Amino acid sequence: MEPLTEKEIRSSFVNATKGDAARLKLPLDFAETPWEHLDFLGWVDPGAPLRAHLVVPREDGPLGVSLRVPATGRTSAVKTSLCQICLTGHASSGVTLLAAPLAGARGREGNTVGIYICSDLACSLYMRGKRVPKLRGVRHDETLSVEERVARATANLDGFLARVTAG
């Protein structure tokens, strides 16, 4: 992924008001973002921990989506969950159901779509082996190459974004 500026990020959001985009806080370690290992930028807002954001590169410019993070609840220590983007298996607390308001009028009416995704939004790093999930039990290795995993994750993310922007 090519590096993005703060202005590019803030102007990319399709399901947030300009005021909301102006108020969001970038990741605390934004200056050290490993752009060369990312397929999209994802983070939980450090100023509003019940908000998360995704910014995905597109040919016509980045596409940003704001998401709602559920309040933490009890999770099972033995249950495992699968991210719908990168298909990484995690202990149950490693995957979260995030809800994105739809873009446009339907989103302003309160309509949302959800997706189960890595809680830290670090799918790109898991696919490349730069981060290892905290998974109890046996970890299953894939036979796909990194490029094939990235293509699959990109298709999964595109499907989710299409549902958000169809608003």
N, C-alpha and C. Protein backbone atom coordinates (compact mmCIF):
# COMPACT_ATOMS: atom_id res chain seq x y z
N MET A 1 0.85 -1.17 0.00
CA MET A 1 0.00 0.00 0.00
C MET A 1 0.89 1.24 0.00
N GLU A 2 0.52 2.22 -0.80
CA GLU A 2 1.26 3.48 -0.82
C GLU A 2 0.90 4.31 0.42
N PRO A 3 1.86 5.01 1.00
CA PRO A 3 1.57 5.85 2.17
C PRO A 3 0.50 6.89 1.87
N LEU A 4 -0.33 7.15 2.87
CA LEU A 4 -1.38 8.15 2.76
C LEU A 4 -1.11 9.30 3.72
N THR A 5 -1.56 10.47 3.34
CA THR A 5 -1.44 11.61 4.24
C THR A 5 -2.68 11.69 5.12
N GLU A 6 -2.57 12.46 6.18
CA GLU A 6 -3.71 12.66 7.07
C GLU A 6 -4.90 13.25 6.31
N LYS A 7 -4.63 14.18 5.42
CA LYS A 7 -5.70 14.80 4.64
C LYS A 7 -6.39 13.78 3.73
N GLU A 8 -5.61 12.92 3.06
CA GLU A 8 -6.20 11.88 2.21
C GLU A 8 -7.08 10.94 3.02
N ILE A 9 -6.62 10.59 4.20
CA ILE A 9 -7.38 9.68 5.06
C ILE A 9 -8.69 10.33 5.48
N ARG A 10 -8.63 11.54 5.99
CA ARG A 10 -9.83 12.22 6.49
C ARG A 10 -10.85 12.47 5.39
N SER A 11 -10.41 12.72 4.17
CA SER A 11 -11.35 13.01 3.08
C SER A 11 -11.89 11.76 2.40
N SER A 12 -11.44 10.57 2.84
CA SER A 12 -11.82 9.33 2.16
C SER A 12 -13.10 8.69 2.69
N PHE A 13 -13.61 9.13 3.82
CA PHE A 13 -14.73 8.43 4.46
C PHE A 13 -16.06 8.64 3.75
N VAL A 14 -16.73 7.52 3.47
CA VAL A 14 -18.01 7.57 2.75
C VAL A 14 -19.21 7.41 3.66
N ASN A 15 -19.00 6.99 4.91
CA ASN A 15 -20.13 6.79 5.81
C ASN A 15 -19.98 7.59 7.10
N ALA A 16 -19.28 8.70 7.02
CA ALA A 16 -19.11 9.59 8.16
C ALA A 16 -19.24 11.03 7.66
N THR A 17 -19.69 11.89 8.55
CA THR A 17 -19.79 13.30 8.18
C THR A 17 -18.39 13.90 8.13
N LYS A 18 -18.28 15.06 7.50
CA LYS A 18 -16.98 15.74 7.46
C LYS A 18 -16.50 16.06 8.87
N GLY A 19 -17.44 16.42 9.74
CA GLY A 19 -17.09 16.72 11.13
C GLY A 19 -16.55 15.49 11.86
N ASP A 20 -17.22 14.34 11.65
CA ASP A 20 -16.75 13.10 12.27
C ASP A 20 -15.36 12.74 11.76
N ALA A 21 -15.15 12.89 10.46
CA ALA A 21 -13.84 12.58 9.87
C ALA A 21 -12.76 13.53 10.40
N ALA A 22 -13.12 14.79 10.62
CA ALA A 22 -12.16 15.75 11.14
C ALA A 22 -11.79 15.45 12.59
N ARG A 23 -12.75 14.88 13.36
CA ARG A 23 -12.51 14.62 14.78
C ARG A 23 -11.82 13.28 15.06
N LEU A 24 -11.83 12.37 14.11
CA LEU A 24 -11.24 11.06 14.39
C LEU A 24 -9.76 11.19 14.66
N LYS A 25 -9.27 10.31 15.51
CA LYS A 25 -7.84 10.31 15.84
C LYS A 25 -7.15 9.22 15.03
N LEU A 26 -6.04 9.58 14.43
CA LEU A 26 -5.24 8.61 13.68
C LEU A 26 -4.55 7.68 14.67
N PRO A 27 -4.05 6.54 14.18
CA PRO A 27 -3.35 5.62 15.10
C PRO A 27 -2.21 6.34 15.83
N LEU A 28 -1.99 5.95 17.07
CA LEU A 28 -0.92 6.59 17.86
C LEU A 28 0.44 6.45 17.20
N ASP A 29 0.66 5.34 16.51
CA ASP A 29 1.95 5.09 15.85
C ASP A 29 1.88 5.37 14.34
N PHE A 30 1.06 6.33 13.94
CA PHE A 30 0.84 6.62 12.52
C PHE A 30 2.15 6.90 11.78
N ALA A 31 3.07 7.60 12.40
CA ALA A 31 4.34 7.93 11.74
C ALA A 31 5.17 6.68 11.44
N GLU A 32 4.95 5.60 12.20
CA GLU A 32 5.69 4.36 12.00
C GLU A 32 4.88 3.30 11.26
N THR A 33 3.83 3.68 10.58
CA THR A 33 2.98 2.73 9.87
C THR A 33 3.80 1.94 8.85
N PRO A 34 3.72 0.59 8.90
CA PRO A 34 4.48 -0.24 7.95
C PRO A 34 3.76 -0.36 6.60
N TRP A 35 3.67 0.72 5.87
CA TRP A 35 2.88 0.79 4.63
C TRP A 35 3.21 -0.35 3.67
N GLU A 36 4.49 -0.74 3.59
CA GLU A 36 4.90 -1.76 2.62
C GLU A 36 4.29 -3.13 2.93
N HIS A 37 3.79 -3.33 4.15
CA HIS A 37 3.20 -4.61 4.54
C HIS A 37 1.67 -4.55 4.62
N LEU A 38 1.07 -3.42 4.26
CA LEU A 38 -0.37 -3.24 4.41
C LEU A 38 -1.10 -3.32 3.07
N ASP A 39 -2.30 -3.90 3.14
CA ASP A 39 -3.21 -3.90 2.00
C ASP A 39 -4.32 -2.89 2.25
N PHE A 40 -4.53 -2.54 3.51
CA PHE A 40 -5.45 -1.48 3.92
C PHE A 40 -4.98 -0.99 5.28
N LEU A 41 -5.38 0.22 5.64
CA LEU A 41 -5.06 0.78 6.93
C LEU A 41 -6.28 0.60 7.82
N GLY A 42 -6.11 -0.05 8.95
CA GLY A 42 -7.20 -0.25 9.89
C GLY A 42 -6.74 0.03 11.30
N TRP A 43 -7.60 0.70 12.10
CA TRP A 43 -7.23 0.99 13.48
C TRP A 43 -8.48 1.28 14.31
N VAL A 44 -8.33 1.05 15.61
CA VAL A 44 -9.35 1.46 16.57
C VAL A 44 -8.98 2.86 17.00
N ASP A 45 -9.94 3.76 16.98
CA ASP A 45 -9.71 5.17 17.29
C ASP A 45 -9.23 5.31 18.73
N PRO A 46 -8.00 5.82 18.95
CA PRO A 46 -7.50 5.95 20.32
C PRO A 46 -8.29 6.95 21.16
N GLY A 47 -9.01 7.87 20.54
CA GLY A 47 -9.81 8.85 21.27
C GLY A 47 -11.24 8.40 21.49
N ALA A 48 -11.66 7.34 20.79
CA ALA A 48 -13.02 6.81 20.90
C ALA A 48 -12.96 5.30 20.68
N PRO A 49 -12.65 4.53 21.73
CA PRO A 49 -12.38 3.10 21.57
C PRO A 49 -13.56 2.27 21.07
N LEU A 50 -14.73 2.85 20.97
CA LEU A 50 -15.87 2.12 20.39
C LEU A 50 -16.04 2.46 18.91
N ARG A 51 -15.00 3.07 18.32
CA ARG A 51 -14.98 3.38 16.89
C ARG A 51 -13.72 2.79 16.27
N ALA A 52 -13.87 2.28 15.07
CA ALA A 52 -12.72 1.78 14.31
C ALA A 52 -12.85 2.33 12.90
N HIS A 53 -11.75 2.28 12.16
CA HIS A 53 -11.74 2.86 10.81
C HIS A 53 -10.92 1.98 9.88
N LEU A 54 -11.37 1.89 8.65
CA LEU A 54 -10.64 1.21 7.58
C LEU A 54 -10.47 2.19 6.44
N VAL A 55 -9.28 2.23 5.87
CA VAL A 55 -9.03 3.02 4.66
C VAL A 55 -8.38 2.08 3.66
N VAL A 56 -9.04 1.92 2.52
CA VAL A 56 -8.62 0.95 1.51
C VAL A 56 -8.20 1.69 0.26
N PRO A 57 -7.02 1.38 -0.29
CA PRO A 57 -6.60 2.04 -1.52
C PRO A 57 -7.47 1.59 -2.70
N ARG A 58 -7.80 2.53 -3.55
CA ARG A 58 -8.58 2.28 -4.77
C ARG A 58 -7.93 3.05 -5.91
N GLU A 59 -8.26 2.65 -7.12
CA GLU A 59 -7.69 3.35 -8.29
C GLU A 59 -8.08 4.82 -8.30
N ASP A 60 -9.31 5.12 -7.86
CA ASP A 60 -9.79 6.51 -7.88
C ASP A 60 -9.58 7.22 -6.55
N GLY A 61 -8.70 6.70 -5.71
CA GLY A 61 -8.40 7.31 -4.42
C GLY A 61 -8.85 6.42 -3.28
N PRO A 62 -8.35 6.68 -2.08
CA PRO A 62 -8.67 5.83 -0.95
C PRO A 62 -10.15 5.89 -0.56
N LEU A 63 -10.66 4.77 -0.04
CA LEU A 63 -12.04 4.66 0.42
C LEU A 63 -12.00 4.37 1.91
N GLY A 64 -12.57 5.27 2.71
CA GLY A 64 -12.58 5.11 4.15
C GLY A 64 -13.96 4.75 4.66
N VAL A 65 -13.99 3.88 5.68
CA VAL A 65 -15.24 3.44 6.29
C VAL A 65 -15.07 3.49 7.80
N SER A 66 -16.03 4.10 8.48
CA SER A 66 -16.06 4.09 9.94
C SER A 66 -16.89 2.91 10.41
N LEU A 67 -16.47 2.33 11.52
CA LEU A 67 -17.13 1.15 12.07
C LEU A 67 -17.39 1.35 13.55
N ARG A 68 -18.41 0.66 14.04
CA ARG A 68 -18.68 0.67 15.47
C ARG A 68 -18.14 -0.61 16.08
N VAL A 69 -17.46 -0.46 17.22
CA VAL A 69 -16.90 -1.58 17.96
C VAL A 69 -17.85 -1.86 19.11
N PRO A 70 -18.22 -3.12 19.31
CA PRO A 70 -19.11 -3.41 20.45
C PRO A 70 -18.39 -3.23 21.77
N ALA A 71 -19.18 -2.91 22.81
CA ALA A 71 -18.60 -2.87 24.15
C ALA A 71 -18.13 -4.27 24.48
N THR A 72 -17.01 -4.40 25.16
CA THR A 72 -16.46 -5.72 25.43
C THR A 72 -17.40 -6.50 26.33
N GLY A 73 -17.49 -7.76 26.02
CA GLY A 73 -18.30 -8.67 26.81
C GLY A 73 -17.48 -9.88 27.17
N ARG A 74 -18.13 -10.86 27.71
CA ARG A 74 -17.42 -12.08 28.08
C ARG A 74 -17.14 -12.89 26.83
N THR A 75 -15.97 -13.51 26.79
CA THR A 75 -15.62 -14.38 25.67
C THR A 75 -15.17 -15.72 26.21
N SER A 76 -15.29 -16.72 25.40
CA SER A 76 -14.90 -18.06 25.79
C SER A 76 -13.40 -18.24 25.63
N ALA A 77 -12.80 -18.94 26.58
CA ALA A 77 -11.35 -19.19 26.51
C ALA A 77 -11.04 -20.35 25.57
N VAL A 78 -12.03 -21.15 25.22
CA VAL A 78 -11.76 -22.32 24.38
C VAL A 78 -12.28 -22.16 22.96
N LYS A 79 -13.14 -21.21 22.74
CA LYS A 79 -13.73 -21.00 21.42
C LYS A 79 -12.74 -20.29 20.50
N THR A 80 -12.74 -20.66 19.24
CA THR A 80 -11.94 -19.94 18.26
C THR A 80 -12.86 -19.28 17.25
N SER A 81 -12.39 -18.22 16.65
CA SER A 81 -13.17 -17.46 15.67
C SER A 81 -12.31 -17.20 14.45
N LEU A 82 -12.97 -16.94 13.34
CA LEU A 82 -12.29 -16.74 12.06
C LEU A 82 -12.61 -15.36 11.51
N CYS A 83 -11.60 -14.61 11.13
CA CYS A 83 -11.78 -13.31 10.50
C CYS A 83 -12.36 -13.52 9.10
N GLN A 84 -13.38 -12.74 8.74
CA GLN A 84 -14.00 -12.87 7.43
C GLN A 84 -13.20 -12.20 6.32
N ILE A 85 -12.18 -11.44 6.66
CA ILE A 85 -11.34 -10.80 5.65
C ILE A 85 -10.15 -11.72 5.31
N CYS A 86 -9.31 -11.99 6.31
CA CYS A 86 -8.07 -12.72 6.05
C CYS A 86 -8.15 -14.20 6.38
N LEU A 87 -9.25 -14.63 6.99
CA LEU A 87 -9.47 -16.03 7.39
C LEU A 87 -8.43 -16.53 8.39
N THR A 88 -7.94 -15.64 9.23
CA THR A 88 -7.03 -16.01 10.30
C THR A 88 -7.86 -16.48 11.48
N GLY A 89 -7.47 -17.62 12.07
CA GLY A 89 -8.13 -18.13 13.26
C GLY A 89 -7.54 -17.50 14.50
N HIS A 90 -8.41 -17.10 15.41
CA HIS A 90 -8.01 -16.45 16.65
C HIS A 90 -8.74 -17.09 17.82
N ALA A 91 -8.20 -16.90 19.03
CA ALA A 91 -9.00 -17.15 20.22
C ALA A 91 -10.19 -16.19 20.10
N SER A 92 -11.29 -16.51 20.74
CA SER A 92 -12.53 -15.77 20.46
C SER A 92 -12.40 -14.26 20.64
N SER A 93 -11.54 -13.79 21.53
CA SER A 93 -11.39 -12.35 21.73
C SER A 93 -10.59 -11.69 20.61
N GLY A 94 -10.00 -12.47 19.72
CA GLY A 94 -9.19 -11.92 18.63
C GLY A 94 -9.98 -11.52 17.41
N VAL A 95 -11.28 -11.82 17.39
CA VAL A 95 -12.16 -11.45 16.29
C VAL A 95 -13.35 -10.70 16.87
N THR A 96 -13.73 -9.61 16.23
CA THR A 96 -14.83 -8.77 16.71
C THR A 96 -15.82 -8.52 15.59
N LEU A 97 -17.10 -8.47 15.93
CA LEU A 97 -18.12 -8.08 14.97
C LEU A 97 -18.17 -6.56 14.94
N LEU A 98 -17.76 -5.98 13.83
CA LEU A 98 -17.81 -4.53 13.66
C LEU A 98 -18.98 -4.19 12.75
N ALA A 99 -19.66 -3.10 13.06
CA ALA A 99 -20.82 -2.67 12.28
C ALA A 99 -20.50 -1.35 11.60
N ALA A 100 -20.77 -1.29 10.29
CA ALA A 100 -20.52 -0.07 9.51
C ALA A 100 -21.85 0.52 9.09
N PRO A 101 -22.09 1.79 9.42
CA PRO A 101 -23.28 2.45 8.88
C PRO A 101 -23.17 2.47 7.36
N LEU A 102 -24.29 2.27 6.68
CA LEU A 102 -24.29 2.34 5.23
C LEU A 102 -23.99 3.77 4.79
N ALA A 103 -23.43 3.92 3.62
CA ALA A 103 -23.18 5.25 3.06
C ALA A 103 -24.51 5.84 2.62
N GLY A 104 -24.66 7.15 2.72
CA GLY A 104 -25.84 7.81 2.19
C GLY A 104 -27.01 7.84 3.15
N ALA A 105 -28.20 8.04 2.58
CA ALA A 105 -29.43 8.23 3.36
C ALA A 105 -29.76 7.03 4.23
N ARG A 106 -29.56 5.82 3.72
CA ARG A 106 -29.89 4.63 4.52
C ARG A 106 -29.02 4.54 5.76
N GLY A 107 -27.79 4.95 5.67
CA GLY A 107 -26.91 4.98 6.84
C GLY A 107 -27.35 6.01 7.85
N ARG A 108 -27.79 7.16 7.38
CA ARG A 108 -28.29 8.21 8.28
C ARG A 108 -29.57 7.77 8.99
N GLU A 109 -30.27 6.81 8.40
CA GLU A 109 -31.48 6.24 9.04
C GLU A 109 -31.13 5.15 10.04
N GLY A 110 -29.87 4.80 10.15
CA GLY A 110 -29.44 3.81 11.13
C GLY A 110 -29.15 2.43 10.59
N ASN A 111 -29.21 2.23 9.28
CA ASN A 111 -28.94 0.92 8.69
C ASN A 111 -27.44 0.64 8.68
N THR A 112 -27.09 -0.59 9.02
CA THR A 112 -25.69 -0.99 9.10
C THR A 112 -25.48 -2.36 8.46
N VAL A 113 -24.23 -2.69 8.20
CA VAL A 113 -23.82 -4.04 7.83
C VAL A 113 -22.65 -4.39 8.75
N GLY A 114 -22.52 -5.68 9.04
CA GLY A 114 -21.48 -6.09 9.96
C GLY A 114 -20.52 -7.08 9.34
N ILE A 115 -19.38 -7.20 9.98
CA ILE A 115 -18.36 -8.15 9.54
C ILE A 115 -17.54 -8.57 10.75
N TYR A 116 -17.21 -9.86 10.80
CA TYR A 116 -16.29 -10.37 11.82
C TYR A 116 -14.89 -10.18 11.28
N ILE A 117 -14.06 -9.45 12.03
CA ILE A 117 -12.72 -9.10 11.56
C ILE A 117 -11.73 -9.15 12.72
N CYS A 118 -10.47 -9.31 12.42
CA CYS A 118 -9.42 -9.30 13.44
C CYS A 118 -9.61 -8.06 14.33
N SER A 119 -9.65 -8.26 15.63
CA SER A 119 -9.92 -7.17 16.57
C SER A 119 -8.93 -6.02 16.44
N ASP A 120 -7.69 -6.33 16.08
CA ASP A 120 -6.67 -5.29 15.95
C ASP A 120 -6.57 -4.76 14.51
N LEU A 121 -7.42 -5.26 13.61
CA LEU A 121 -7.47 -4.83 12.21
C LEU A 121 -6.12 -4.98 11.51
N ALA A 122 -5.36 -5.98 11.91
CA ALA A 122 -4.02 -6.21 11.36
C ALA A 122 -3.99 -7.40 10.40
N CYS A 123 -5.05 -7.57 9.64
CA CYS A 123 -5.14 -8.71 8.70
C CYS A 123 -3.90 -8.82 7.82
N SER A 124 -3.44 -7.71 7.29
CA SER A 124 -2.28 -7.72 6.39
C SER A 124 -1.06 -8.32 7.06
N LEU A 125 -0.86 -8.02 8.34
CA LEU A 125 0.30 -8.52 9.06
C LEU A 125 0.16 -10.00 9.37
N TYR A 126 -1.05 -10.47 9.66
CA TYR A 126 -1.27 -11.90 9.89
C TYR A 126 -1.02 -12.70 8.62
N MET A 127 -1.50 -12.20 7.48
CA MET A 127 -1.32 -12.93 6.22
C MET A 127 0.15 -13.06 5.84
N ARG A 128 0.95 -12.09 6.22
CA ARG A 128 2.37 -12.08 5.87
C ARG A 128 3.25 -12.71 6.95
N GLY A 129 2.65 -13.18 8.03
CA GLY A 129 3.42 -13.78 9.11
C GLY A 129 4.17 -12.76 9.96
N LYS A 130 3.84 -11.48 9.85
CA LYS A 130 4.49 -10.43 10.63
C LYS A 130 3.91 -10.36 12.04
N ARG A 131 2.73 -10.93 12.22
CA ARG A 131 2.07 -11.00 13.52
C ARG A 131 1.44 -12.38 13.64
N VAL A 132 1.47 -12.94 14.83
CA VAL A 132 0.93 -14.28 15.07
C VAL A 132 -0.28 -14.17 15.99
N PRO A 133 -1.40 -14.81 15.62
CA PRO A 133 -2.58 -14.74 16.48
C PRO A 133 -2.38 -15.54 17.77
N LYS A 134 -3.06 -15.12 18.81
CA LYS A 134 -3.05 -15.86 20.08
C LYS A 134 -4.14 -16.90 19.98
N LEU A 135 -3.79 -18.07 19.49
CA LEU A 135 -4.76 -19.13 19.24
C LEU A 135 -4.46 -20.32 20.12
N ARG A 136 -5.47 -20.76 20.82
CA ARG A 136 -5.31 -21.96 21.65
C ARG A 136 -5.45 -23.18 20.76
N GLY A 137 -4.66 -24.20 21.05
CA GLY A 137 -4.78 -25.44 20.30
C GLY A 137 -3.91 -25.42 19.06
N VAL A 138 -4.28 -26.23 18.09
CA VAL A 138 -3.50 -26.42 16.88
C VAL A 138 -3.75 -25.29 15.89
N ARG A 139 -2.70 -24.78 15.32
CA ARG A 139 -2.80 -23.76 14.29
C ARG A 139 -2.70 -24.43 12.93
N HIS A 140 -3.61 -24.10 12.04
CA HIS A 140 -3.63 -24.70 10.72
C HIS A 140 -2.90 -23.80 9.73
N ASP A 141 -1.97 -24.40 9.00
CA ASP A 141 -1.24 -23.66 7.99
C ASP A 141 -1.96 -23.78 6.65
N GLU A 142 -1.90 -22.71 5.87
CA GLU A 142 -2.50 -22.71 4.54
C GLU A 142 -1.45 -23.05 3.49
N THR A 143 -1.92 -23.59 2.38
CA THR A 143 -1.00 -23.89 1.28
C THR A 143 -0.97 -22.75 0.27
N LEU A 144 -1.81 -21.73 0.45
CA LEU A 144 -1.81 -20.60 -0.47
C LEU A 144 -0.57 -19.74 -0.26
N SER A 145 -0.10 -19.14 -1.33
CA SER A 145 1.01 -18.20 -1.22
C SER A 145 0.50 -16.90 -0.59
N VAL A 146 1.41 -16.06 -0.17
CA VAL A 146 1.03 -14.77 0.40
C VAL A 146 0.22 -13.97 -0.62
N GLU A 147 0.64 -13.98 -1.88
CA GLU A 147 -0.07 -13.23 -2.92
C GLU A 147 -1.51 -13.74 -3.09
N GLU A 148 -1.68 -15.06 -2.99
CA GLU A 148 -3.03 -15.64 -3.10
C GLU A 148 -3.88 -15.28 -1.89
N ARG A 149 -3.28 -15.27 -0.71
CA ARG A 149 -4.01 -14.86 0.50
C ARG A 149 -4.43 -13.40 0.41
N VAL A 150 -3.53 -12.56 -0.08
CA VAL A 150 -3.83 -11.14 -0.23
C VAL A 150 -4.97 -10.95 -1.24
N ALA A 151 -4.93 -11.67 -2.35
CA ALA A 151 -6.00 -11.57 -3.35
C ALA A 151 -7.34 -12.00 -2.76
N ARG A 152 -7.34 -13.07 -1.97
CA ARG A 152 -8.58 -13.54 -1.34
C ARG A 152 -9.09 -12.50 -0.34
N ALA A 153 -8.20 -11.97 0.49
CA ALA A 153 -8.60 -10.98 1.49
C ALA A 153 -9.11 -9.71 0.81
N THR A 154 -8.47 -9.30 -0.27
CA THR A 154 -8.91 -8.12 -1.00
C THR A 154 -10.32 -8.33 -1.55
N ALA A 155 -10.58 -9.51 -2.10
CA ALA A 155 -11.92 -9.83 -2.62
C ALA A 155 -12.95 -9.82 -1.49
N ASN A 156 -12.60 -10.38 -0.34
CA ASN A 156 -13.50 -10.39 0.81
C ASN A 156 -13.79 -8.97 1.29
N LEU A 157 -12.76 -8.14 1.36
CA LEU A 157 -12.93 -6.76 1.79
C LEU A 157 -13.74 -5.97 0.77
N ASP A 158 -13.49 -6.21 -0.51
CA ASP A 158 -14.26 -5.53 -1.55
C ASP A 158 -15.75 -5.86 -1.46
N GLY A 159 -16.07 -7.12 -1.15
CA GLY A 159 -17.45 -7.52 -0.99
C GLY A 159 -18.12 -6.77 0.15
N PHE A 160 -17.41 -6.63 1.28
CA PHE A 160 -17.95 -5.89 2.41
C PHE A 160 -18.14 -4.42 2.06
N LEU A 161 -17.13 -3.81 1.44
CA LEU A 161 -17.22 -2.40 1.07
C LEU A 161 -18.34 -2.14 0.07
N ALA A 162 -18.59 -3.10 -0.82
CA ALA A 162 -19.69 -2.95 -1.77
C ALA A 162 -21.02 -2.89 -1.04
N ARG A 163 -21.15 -3.66 0.04
CA ARG A 163 -22.40 -3.62 0.83
C ARG A 163 -22.52 -2.29 1.56
N VAL A 164 -21.42 -1.73 2.04
CA VAL A 164 -21.46 -0.45 2.74
C VAL A 164 -21.81 0.68 1.77
N THR A 165 -21.20 0.71 0.62
CA THR A 165 -21.40 1.82 -0.32
C THR A 165 -22.64 1.69 -1.16
N ALA A 166 -23.31 0.53 -1.14
CA ALA A 166 -24.56 0.36 -1.90
C ALA A 166 -25.69 1.16 -1.27
N GLY A 167 -25.46 1.64 -0.02
CA GLY A 167 -26.43 2.40 0.78
C GLY A 167 -27.41 3.15 -0.01
